[in-house]
Each structure stands twice: as structure tokens, then as C-alpha cells.
Amino acid sequence: MTTDPKLDPLPPQTPVSKDIRTPVTVLTGFLGSGKTTLLNKALKSPDLATCAVVINEFGDVPIDHALTATSDDNIFVLENGCLCCTVFGDLLETLNRLYHAREAGEVAPFDRVLIETSGLADPAPVLQAFLSDPALAGLFRVAAVVATVDAINGPGTLAEHGESVRQIALADQIIITKSDLYTQDAEETRQALSQLIRRINPAASVHDAQAADFRPASILTSHLSGTSPVELDPNRWLNLEAYRVADEVEACADHHHGPGEHLHHHHRLEDDPSRAVATFTLVRQEPTSRDALQLLLSGIEHNLGPRLLRVKGLVHVDEEPGRPAVIQGAQHLLHNIEWLASWPDDDQRTRLVFITYGMPRAELEEMVGLLDRVANRTRAARERAAVPPPA
């Protein structure tokens, strides 16, 4: 299933003062990483007293249904299988039913939904659900993706299981659990896990669940994925600086190990799933034509498919200089173009972040470059056709 993101017709430039959609937090993490234990602890906080929780019976640890009366009233279970498999059925139906039940006063009021995926689930289908269903997107918005990583087994899991890598790659917040099990001489293991996480996802915030100041409810109520016009902070949402630093670190590593070794890693992605994630940031000073943007979006949908984990960014379209287009998508699904009422800051460059799995960055760069050249030729031909012939 694919969407067909169109730029026409342009919506009116109506400033948005408040986003009334209910924020959704997606909690993911591989089997045994401690996400359900974390959720049980977080739900005891008053900060989540008005949160509805959607889980499935495949969780690692049974959810504590005796938390509080309010929380118990708002815990909803998907019983028909893994969340990644039922996302376009049970999840959509559950969220729609939740919304209307709240409006009718049939369930306790809630101001946030927390979705816990199963340990083997790829979180991308959950994000796709909010991109593909207009009714759902009009009622809910993904505010944050939070992933848990086992401090002890994390490196081995990430090296062997692609699902765990995709969970980390799509996260806005990453929580390292079970670090209290480290031995005194485990500093090397700690550093290796930290470097591995940063290689997969340099832009995410990383937290230690054993830290004295760690507050799980605060993490689960964060707003980092959202693109609400009244909340969007491009620097936090895109975090281009983190990708720039990661590129510099990778370049230094290439220089240290030699280009042959680096090439070896990237051409044997199947041997190590943690090496399969690549990021590509596109920053342009000059505005992009509507034709070029439409061609890029169509090219993404038809050529990348499941290899594109996520794309997000702001685009300066020359026909609309006063407001940017907001682009976001997961795999082959792209949300219809949204337009902010105005630029959120003085930086009006086009800024896009691509996160891919099993696709070398050079291949994506080549595709974007080709689409650019085609768009420029199309634009030039159109401009020439619009010039009247000499008298």
C-alpha cells in the first residue's frame, strides 16, 4: 500500500494556535530488554495517570493490571497477535474506539496514548499506521518513539537481529536497562554498547535506567517525533549536528582503519545487522521547485520501499517562500505534505534526514542526484516553453 503525496492544492495559510490531536508514545525494545518492567514502573507515576496504554499479549513480562484504578481502566490489550502484524487492523480499530469512547465518557479521560510493541516487532508499521490512515492522523500524532536496550545482551542482540537494530534506528529516546548487572571490569562493554548505539542512531537521546536522576515517566511523555506547528523545533527534531559529528567520527575511523576495511563492513551488511543502518542528510541553501519536490517524493515511494526506515525534514519550496513543507514517512509510506504557517526560526534551508536499512548511503545519494538532474531539466524545459518567441 502506498500513498500519493500531492502538493496541490495548497492549503490556506491559516496559523495554528493549538494542536488538539492526542499525542502517542511508541515504546519498543527487543525481547528481554526490560521495556514492560520499565512501563510498569512508569505507570505508577502521577504523570501517566491520564495515559491510555495499548499492549499485546506477546509482551515479555505481563503488564501489571493492578497498578491503579485509573490506569487499569485505560489498559487495552491486543490479543490476536504481534503488534507489527495487527497494526493495520486491531490497532487502528482500538485507537478509533478509544477516541470515541473517551468523547462519549465511556472510559476514563486520557490525554496521551502509550503503545507497547512486542519484542520482535519492527516499529515502522506502527508509524506507517499514522501516516496511511487520514482519520487516525486527524485524531492522534506520534510524539515520541522510545526504545530499550539490554546493557548486557544488547551488543549481541544488535549484531544478530535486524529487528532490534531497526528499533534503535527509529527511536527518539533510547534507554539502557540492566546496567546494574555490569561487573567492575565491564567498562569496555559499556563503551562498546554506547558506541554501537551512536553508530546506529547518533541523534537519539540516550539514558541509563539505573541513573539516580532517571525518570521513566518523563521520557515516555517527551515530544520529539511530533511535527505540530506550535511545537516543532527543527534543531531537536532533525538534530543535524549529531549526524555531522557522527560523520566526522566515521571519517576518522575510516582514516585509521583504511578504506579497504570500511568498504568490507558496508558490503557485508547481512553479516552484521547493526552495520546495515545508514543516514543521509540533505541540506540546501537554494529553494526547491515544486516539480523537484514531487519527483523526489515519488522516487522515494517507488524506489526505496522497506529499505527506507524513515525520512523527515523541512523543504523550502520556491513557490511558497513564507512557509516550509513538512516531509515525513516510514518505509514506502509518505504522509501527505503538511505546511507550517511560517518558518519556525531564521534558518530557511531545506533540511532532510534519511535513515535506511541495508542500503548504502552512496546509493541513496546517487538516486537523489539523479532525481535532481531530471527535475532541473524539466524545469528548464518548462521555462523555455514559457518564453514567447522573438518577434
Protein backbone atom coordinates (compact mmCIF):
# COMPACT_ATOMS: atom_id res chain seq x y z
CA MET A 1 0.00 0.00 0.00
CA THR A 2 1.33 3.42 -0.88
CA THR A 3 0.07 6.92 -0.51
CA ASP A 4 0.33 9.51 -3.22
CA PRO A 5 1.57 12.71 -1.58
CA LYS A 6 0.42 15.64 -3.66
CA LEU A 7 1.41 19.25 -3.39
CA ASP A 8 -1.80 20.54 -4.99
CA PRO A 9 -3.97 22.16 -3.98
CA LEU A 10 -2.08 24.17 -1.40
CA PRO A 11 -3.90 24.55 1.92
CA PRO A 12 -4.69 28.08 3.10
CA GLN A 13 -2.09 29.82 5.22
CA THR A 14 -4.07 29.59 8.45
CA PRO A 15 -1.94 29.90 11.59
CA VAL A 16 -2.41 27.00 14.02
CA SER A 17 -2.55 28.05 17.67
CA LYS A 18 -3.07 24.61 19.22
CA ASP A 19 -2.69 21.02 18.13
CA ILE A 20 -5.66 19.16 19.61
CA ARG A 21 -4.57 15.70 18.45
CA THR A 22 -3.77 13.23 21.22
CA PRO A 23 0.00 12.52 21.46
CA VAL A 24 1.14 8.91 21.16
CA THR A 25 4.34 7.39 22.55
CA VAL A 26 5.59 4.16 20.97
CA LEU A 27 7.62 2.01 23.38
CA THR A 28 9.72 -0.63 21.65
CA GLY A 29 12.65 -2.86 22.52
CA PHE A 30 13.85 -6.38 21.86
CA LEU A 31 12.83 -9.46 23.87
CA GLY A 32 14.19 -9.29 27.40
CA SER A 33 15.29 -5.66 27.16
CA GLY A 34 13.06 -4.67 30.07
CA LYS A 35 10.52 -2.41 28.38
CA THR A 36 7.49 -3.91 30.15
CA THR A 37 9.20 -3.68 33.52
CA LEU A 38 10.01 -0.06 32.68
CA LEU A 39 6.39 0.57 31.69
CA ASN A 40 5.06 -0.95 34.92
CA LYS A 41 7.34 1.37 36.90
CA ALA A 42 6.44 4.43 34.84
CA LEU A 43 2.70 3.87 35.17
CA LYS A 44 2.97 4.36 38.92
CA SER A 45 3.90 7.98 38.33
CA PRO A 46 1.17 10.65 38.54
CA ASP A 47 2.49 11.97 35.21
CA LEU A 48 0.91 8.97 33.46
CA ALA A 49 -2.27 8.83 35.50
CA THR A 50 -4.26 10.06 32.49
CA CYS A 51 -2.50 7.88 29.91
CA ALA A 52 -4.19 5.09 27.95
CA VAL A 53 -1.98 2.06 27.36
CA VAL A 54 -2.24 -0.25 24.35
CA ILE A 55 -0.32 -3.53 24.67
CA ASN A 56 -0.47 -7.04 23.27
CA GLU A 57 -0.33 -10.45 24.91
CA PHE A 58 3.12 -11.18 23.45
CA GLY A 59 4.84 -8.86 25.93
CA ASP A 60 7.98 -10.06 27.69
CA VAL A 61 6.54 -9.54 31.18
CA PRO A 62 2.80 -9.40 31.94
CA ILE A 63 1.56 -5.85 32.41
CA ASP A 64 0.58 -5.08 35.98
CA HIS A 65 -3.19 -4.63 35.73
CA ALA A 66 -3.37 -3.73 39.43
CA LEU A 67 -1.39 -0.50 39.07
CA THR A 68 -4.13 1.97 39.90
CA ALA A 69 -7.82 2.15 39.22
CA THR A 70 -7.34 4.89 36.64
CA SER A 71 -4.55 3.11 34.78
CA ASP A 72 -6.39 -0.22 34.87
CA ASP A 73 -9.44 1.36 33.26
CA ASN A 74 -7.32 2.54 30.37
CA ILE A 75 -5.24 -0.56 29.60
CA PHE A 76 -6.26 -2.15 26.30
CA VAL A 77 -4.90 -5.45 25.09
CA LEU A 78 -4.43 -6.60 21.50
CA GLU A 79 -4.92 -10.34 21.82
CA ASN A 80 -4.76 -11.51 18.21
CA GLY A 81 -1.00 -11.49 17.75
CA CYS A 82 2.15 -9.46 17.43
CA LEU A 83 1.52 -5.73 17.16
CA CYS A 84 3.52 -5.40 13.97
CA CYS A 85 1.15 -7.89 12.30
CA THR A 86 -2.12 -6.44 13.60
CA VAL A 87 -1.21 -2.78 13.30
CA PHE A 88 -3.44 -2.04 10.31
CA GLY A 89 -6.36 -3.90 11.89
CA ASP A 90 -6.60 -4.17 15.64
CA LEU A 91 -4.51 -1.10 16.42
CA LEU A 92 -6.44 1.22 14.13
CA GLU A 93 -9.73 -0.14 15.43
CA THR A 94 -8.59 0.12 19.06
CA LEU A 95 -7.42 3.73 18.75
CA ASN A 96 -10.57 4.75 16.91
CA ARG A 97 -12.70 3.05 19.57
CA LEU A 98 -10.61 4.67 22.31
CA TYR A 99 -11.17 8.14 20.93
CA HIS A 100 -14.94 7.80 20.58
CA ALA A 101 -15.26 6.08 23.96
CA ARG A 102 -13.44 8.98 25.57
CA GLU A 103 -15.65 11.51 23.83
CA ALA A 104 -18.75 9.61 24.98
CA GLY A 105 -17.48 9.38 28.57
CA GLU A 106 -17.33 5.58 28.43
CA VAL A 107 -13.68 5.37 29.55
CA ALA A 108 -11.63 7.41 31.95
CA PRO A 109 -10.35 10.62 30.32
CA PHE A 110 -6.85 10.33 28.86
CA ASP A 111 -4.54 12.90 27.31
CA ARG A 112 -1.91 10.52 25.89
CA VAL A 113 -1.69 7.01 24.45
CA LEU A 114 1.27 4.72 25.11
CA ILE A 115 1.71 1.81 22.70
CA GLU A 116 4.00 -1.04 23.71
CA THR A 117 5.14 -3.17 20.79
CA SER A 118 6.22 -6.78 21.16
CA GLY A 119 9.91 -7.60 21.46
CA LEU A 120 10.11 -8.94 17.91
CA ALA A 121 8.15 -6.09 16.36
CA ASP A 122 9.52 -3.62 13.86
CA PRO A 123 8.16 -0.21 14.97
CA ALA A 124 7.93 1.03 11.38
CA PRO A 125 4.42 -0.43 10.79
CA VAL A 126 3.17 1.50 13.82
CA LEU A 127 4.49 4.73 12.34
CA GLN A 128 3.03 3.74 8.98
CA ALA A 129 -0.41 3.41 10.53
CA PHE A 130 -0.39 7.08 11.47
CA LEU A 131 0.84 8.03 8.00
CA SER A 132 -1.58 5.91 6.00
CA ASP A 133 -4.90 6.44 7.75
CA PRO A 134 -6.20 10.03 7.41
CA ALA A 135 -8.82 9.55 10.12
CA LEU A 136 -6.24 8.27 12.59
CA ALA A 137 -3.77 11.04 11.70
CA GLY A 138 -6.50 13.58 12.36
CA LEU A 139 -7.06 12.31 15.90
CA PHE A 140 -3.59 11.20 17.04
CA ARG A 141 0.03 12.11 16.38
CA VAL A 142 3.24 10.26 17.21
CA ALA A 143 5.06 12.37 19.79
CA ALA A 144 7.99 10.06 20.57
CA VAL A 145 9.49 6.64 19.86
CA VAL A 146 11.28 5.18 22.89
CA ALA A 147 13.48 2.05 22.69
CA THR A 148 15.00 -0.04 25.46
CA VAL A 149 18.38 -1.81 25.15
CA ASP A 150 19.71 -4.53 27.44
CA ALA A 151 23.10 -3.41 28.77
CA ILE A 152 24.42 -6.97 28.98
CA ASN A 153 22.95 -8.66 25.92
CA GLY A 154 22.47 -5.54 23.80
CA PRO A 155 25.65 -5.77 21.68
CA GLY A 156 25.00 -9.41 20.78
CA THR A 157 21.33 -8.76 20.06
CA LEU A 158 22.10 -5.81 17.80
CA ALA A 159 24.72 -7.85 15.93
CA GLU A 160 22.32 -10.73 15.28
CA HIS A 161 18.79 -9.37 14.97
CA GLY A 162 17.73 -6.79 12.42
CA GLU A 163 14.52 -6.04 14.33
CA SER A 164 16.47 -4.74 17.31
CA VAL A 165 18.60 -2.54 15.04
CA ARG A 166 15.53 -1.00 13.41
CA GLN A 167 14.04 -0.37 16.85
CA ILE A 168 17.12 1.64 17.83
CA ALA A 169 17.38 3.41 14.47
CA LEU A 170 13.81 4.74 14.67
CA ALA A 171 13.96 5.87 18.30
CA ASP A 172 13.99 9.44 19.57
CA GLN A 173 14.88 8.28 23.08
CA ILE A 174 16.96 5.20 23.98
CA ILE A 175 17.00 3.71 27.47
CA ILE A 176 19.81 1.37 28.54
CA THR A 177 18.46 -1.12 31.07
CA LYS A 178 20.14 -3.58 33.47
CA SER A 179 23.38 -1.62 33.72
CA ASP A 180 23.39 -2.55 37.42
CA LEU A 181 24.45 -6.03 36.27
CA TYR A 182 27.75 -4.74 34.92
CA THR A 183 30.79 -6.10 36.73
CA GLN A 184 33.51 -3.77 37.92
CA ASP A 185 35.65 -4.56 34.90
CA ALA A 186 32.82 -4.05 32.40
CA GLU A 187 33.77 -0.53 31.34
CA GLU A 188 34.86 -1.85 27.93
CA THR A 189 31.43 -3.46 27.43
CA ARG A 190 29.72 -0.23 28.46
CA GLN A 191 31.72 1.83 25.98
CA ALA A 192 31.20 -0.70 23.20
CA LEU A 193 27.41 -0.57 23.64
CA SER A 194 27.43 3.21 23.72
CA GLN A 195 29.47 3.40 20.51
CA LEU A 196 27.22 0.83 18.85
CA ILE A 197 24.08 2.81 19.69
CA ARG A 198 25.66 6.03 18.45
CA ARG A 199 26.66 4.38 15.19
CA ILE A 200 23.12 3.19 14.57
CA ASN A 201 21.37 6.34 15.79
CA PRO A 202 23.58 9.35 16.51
CA ALA A 203 20.64 11.74 17.00
CA ALA A 204 18.72 9.99 19.79
CA SER A 205 18.95 10.93 23.47
CA VAL A 206 20.42 8.04 25.48
CA HIS A 207 19.52 7.41 29.14
CA ASP A 208 20.65 4.91 31.79
CA ALA A 209 17.71 3.41 33.66
CA GLN A 210 19.91 2.99 36.75
CA ALA A 211 20.92 6.65 36.92
CA ALA A 212 19.86 8.45 40.09
CA ASP A 213 18.02 11.15 38.16
CA PHE A 214 16.28 8.80 35.69
CA ARG A 215 12.54 9.40 35.49
CA PRO A 216 10.84 6.94 33.08
CA ALA A 217 7.55 8.84 33.04
CA SER A 218 9.38 11.96 31.86
CA ILE A 219 10.92 10.03 28.95
CA LEU A 220 7.61 8.46 27.99
CA THR A 221 5.88 11.84 27.88
CA SER A 222 8.50 13.56 25.73
CA HIS A 223 7.72 15.25 22.41
CA LEU A 224 10.45 14.66 19.83
CA SER A 225 8.83 12.95 16.83
CA GLY A 226 5.92 15.34 16.53
CA THR A 227 5.63 17.96 13.82
CA SER A 228 2.94 20.09 15.41
CA PRO A 229 3.27 23.66 14.08
CA VAL A 230 3.13 25.00 17.61
CA GLU A 231 5.77 22.57 18.92
CA LEU A 232 8.15 21.94 16.05
CA ASP A 233 11.75 22.72 16.89
CA PRO A 234 13.81 21.82 13.78
CA ASN A 235 17.05 21.62 15.74
CA ARG A 236 15.65 18.99 18.12
CA TRP A 237 13.52 17.19 15.55
CA LEU A 238 16.21 16.82 12.89
CA ASN A 239 19.34 17.16 15.07
CA LEU A 240 21.61 17.62 12.06
CA GLU A 241 24.54 18.47 14.30
CA ALA A 242 24.53 14.94 15.74
CA TYR A 243 24.70 13.45 12.25
CA ARG A 244 27.52 15.82 11.31
CA VAL A 245 29.56 14.76 14.34
CA ALA A 246 28.85 11.09 13.57
CA ASP A 247 30.09 11.58 10.00
CA GLU A 248 33.32 13.11 11.32
CA VAL A 249 33.83 10.18 13.70
CA GLU A 250 33.21 7.70 10.89
CA ALA A 251 35.62 9.55 8.63
CA CYS A 252 38.30 9.40 11.34
CA ALA A 253 37.67 5.68 11.78
CA ASP A 254 37.99 5.15 8.03
CA HIS A 255 41.29 7.01 8.03
CA HIS A 256 42.54 4.96 10.98
CA HIS A 257 41.48 1.55 9.68
CA GLY A 258 41.96 2.20 6.00
CA PRO A 259 39.38 2.46 3.23
CA GLY A 260 39.50 -1.25 2.42
CA GLU A 261 38.31 -2.30 5.86
CA HIS A 262 35.49 0.26 5.86
CA LEU A 263 34.37 -0.94 2.44
CA HIS A 264 34.36 -4.50 3.74
CA HIS A 265 31.95 -3.62 6.52
CA HIS A 266 29.49 -1.86 4.24
CA HIS A 267 29.46 -4.58 1.61
CA ARG A 268 28.68 -7.36 4.08
CA LEU A 269 25.62 -5.89 5.80
CA GLU A 270 23.97 -9.30 6.10
CA ASP A 271 26.77 -10.49 8.39
CA ASP A 272 26.08 -7.80 10.98
CA PRO A 273 22.64 -6.12 11.04
CA SER A 274 23.99 -3.33 13.24
CA ARG A 275 26.10 -2.24 10.26
CA ALA A 276 23.09 -2.06 7.96
CA VAL A 277 21.79 1.34 9.09
CA ALA A 278 22.96 4.37 7.15
CA THR A 279 21.91 8.01 7.42
CA PHE A 280 21.97 10.70 4.78
CA THR A 281 21.28 14.36 5.44
CA LEU A 282 20.35 16.68 2.62
CA VAL A 283 20.82 20.41 3.25
CA ARG A 284 20.30 23.02 0.55
CA GLN A 285 20.57 26.78 0.61
CA GLU A 286 18.53 27.35 -2.54
CA PRO A 287 14.77 26.74 -2.60
CA THR A 288 13.49 23.63 -4.34
CA SER A 289 10.89 23.77 -7.09
CA ARG A 290 7.55 22.06 -6.59
CA ASP A 291 8.34 19.79 -9.53
CA ALA A 292 11.63 18.70 -7.96
CA LEU A 293 9.98 18.01 -4.60
CA GLN A 294 7.19 15.98 -6.19
CA LEU A 295 9.71 13.99 -8.19
CA LEU A 296 11.77 13.30 -5.07
CA LEU A 297 8.75 12.09 -3.12
CA SER A 298 7.61 9.84 -5.96
CA GLY A 299 11.15 8.47 -6.31
CA ILE A 300 11.29 7.67 -2.60
CA GLU A 301 7.98 5.82 -2.68
CA HIS A 302 8.66 3.79 -5.78
CA ASN A 303 12.37 3.03 -5.39
CA LEU A 304 13.25 2.68 -1.71
CA GLY A 305 10.42 0.66 -0.18
CA PRO A 306 11.27 -1.16 3.08
CA ARG A 307 14.92 -0.12 2.85
CA LEU A 308 13.91 3.39 3.91
CA LEU A 309 13.23 3.26 7.63
CA ARG A 310 12.37 6.92 7.93
CA VAL A 311 12.54 10.28 6.21
CA LYS A 312 11.73 13.61 7.80
CA GLY A 313 12.51 17.24 7.22
CA LEU A 314 11.56 20.74 6.12
CA VAL A 315 11.63 21.80 2.47
CA HIS A 316 11.86 25.36 1.17
CA VAL A 317 9.66 25.41 -1.93
CA ASP A 318 10.34 28.45 -4.11
CA GLU A 319 6.65 28.92 -4.91
CA GLU A 320 5.93 29.14 -1.16
CA PRO A 321 8.77 31.17 0.37
CA GLY A 322 6.91 32.10 3.54
CA ARG A 323 6.30 28.62 4.87
CA PRO A 324 8.08 25.26 4.69
CA ALA A 325 6.68 21.92 3.61
CA VAL A 326 6.96 19.23 6.30
CA ILE A 327 8.02 15.84 4.96
CA GLN A 328 7.82 12.62 6.95
CA GLY A 329 7.49 8.97 6.07
CA ALA A 330 8.26 5.42 7.13
CA GLN A 331 9.41 2.88 4.56
CA HIS A 332 7.30 3.24 1.40
CA LEU A 333 4.57 5.32 3.04
CA LEU A 334 4.81 9.09 2.97
CA HIS A 335 2.40 11.35 4.78
CA ASN A 336 0.60 13.89 2.62
CA ILE A 337 2.51 17.15 2.55
CA GLU A 338 1.89 19.40 5.54
CA TRP A 339 2.67 23.11 5.52
CA LEU A 340 3.66 25.15 8.53
CA ALA A 341 2.07 28.58 8.75
CA SER A 342 5.57 30.11 8.80
CA TRP A 343 9.22 29.16 9.28
CA PRO A 344 9.84 28.25 12.95
CA ASP A 345 13.19 30.07 13.00
CA ASP A 346 15.57 32.11 10.85
CA ASP A 347 17.06 29.03 9.19
CA GLN A 348 15.10 28.61 5.95
CA ARG A 349 17.25 25.96 4.31
CA THR A 350 15.85 22.69 3.03
CA ARG A 351 16.84 20.03 5.56
CA LEU A 352 16.04 16.33 5.14
CA VAL A 353 17.19 13.27 7.11
CA PHE A 354 17.04 9.81 5.52
CA ILE A 355 17.55 6.67 7.63
CA THR A 356 17.99 3.50 5.58
CA TYR A 357 18.46 -0.20 6.34
CA GLY A 358 20.50 -2.40 4.02
CA MET A 359 21.05 0.44 1.58
CA PRO A 360 24.48 2.08 1.36
CA ARG A 361 24.33 5.84 1.66
CA ALA A 362 26.09 6.26 -1.69
CA GLU A 363 23.17 4.56 -3.44
CA LEU A 364 20.68 6.99 -1.90
CA GLU A 365 22.90 9.96 -2.75
CA GLU A 366 23.07 8.74 -6.34
CA MET A 367 19.28 8.45 -6.55
CA VAL A 368 18.71 11.93 -5.12
CA GLY A 369 21.27 13.38 -7.50
CA LEU A 370 19.62 11.71 -10.49
CA LEU A 371 16.18 13.00 -9.48
CA ASP A 372 17.66 16.46 -9.07
CA ARG A 373 19.07 16.44 -12.58
CA VAL A 374 15.78 15.22 -14.07
CA ALA A 375 13.83 17.88 -12.16
CA ASN A 376 16.20 20.63 -13.25
CA ARG A 377 15.91 19.60 -16.91
CA THR A 378 12.12 19.50 -16.63
CA ARG A 379 12.06 22.91 -15.01
CA ALA A 380 14.39 24.41 -17.61
CA ALA A 381 12.28 23.00 -20.45
CA ARG A 382 9.14 24.45 -18.91
CA GLU A 383 10.77 27.86 -18.52
CA ARG A 384 11.94 27.82 -22.13
CA ALA A 385 8.46 26.90 -23.33
CA ALA A 386 7.01 29.83 -21.38
CA VAL A 387 9.27 32.37 -23.15
CA PRO A 388 7.48 33.83 -26.19
CA PRO A 389 9.38 33.54 -29.48
CA PRO A 390 11.13 36.66 -30.74
CA ALA A 391 9.07 38.90 -33.00
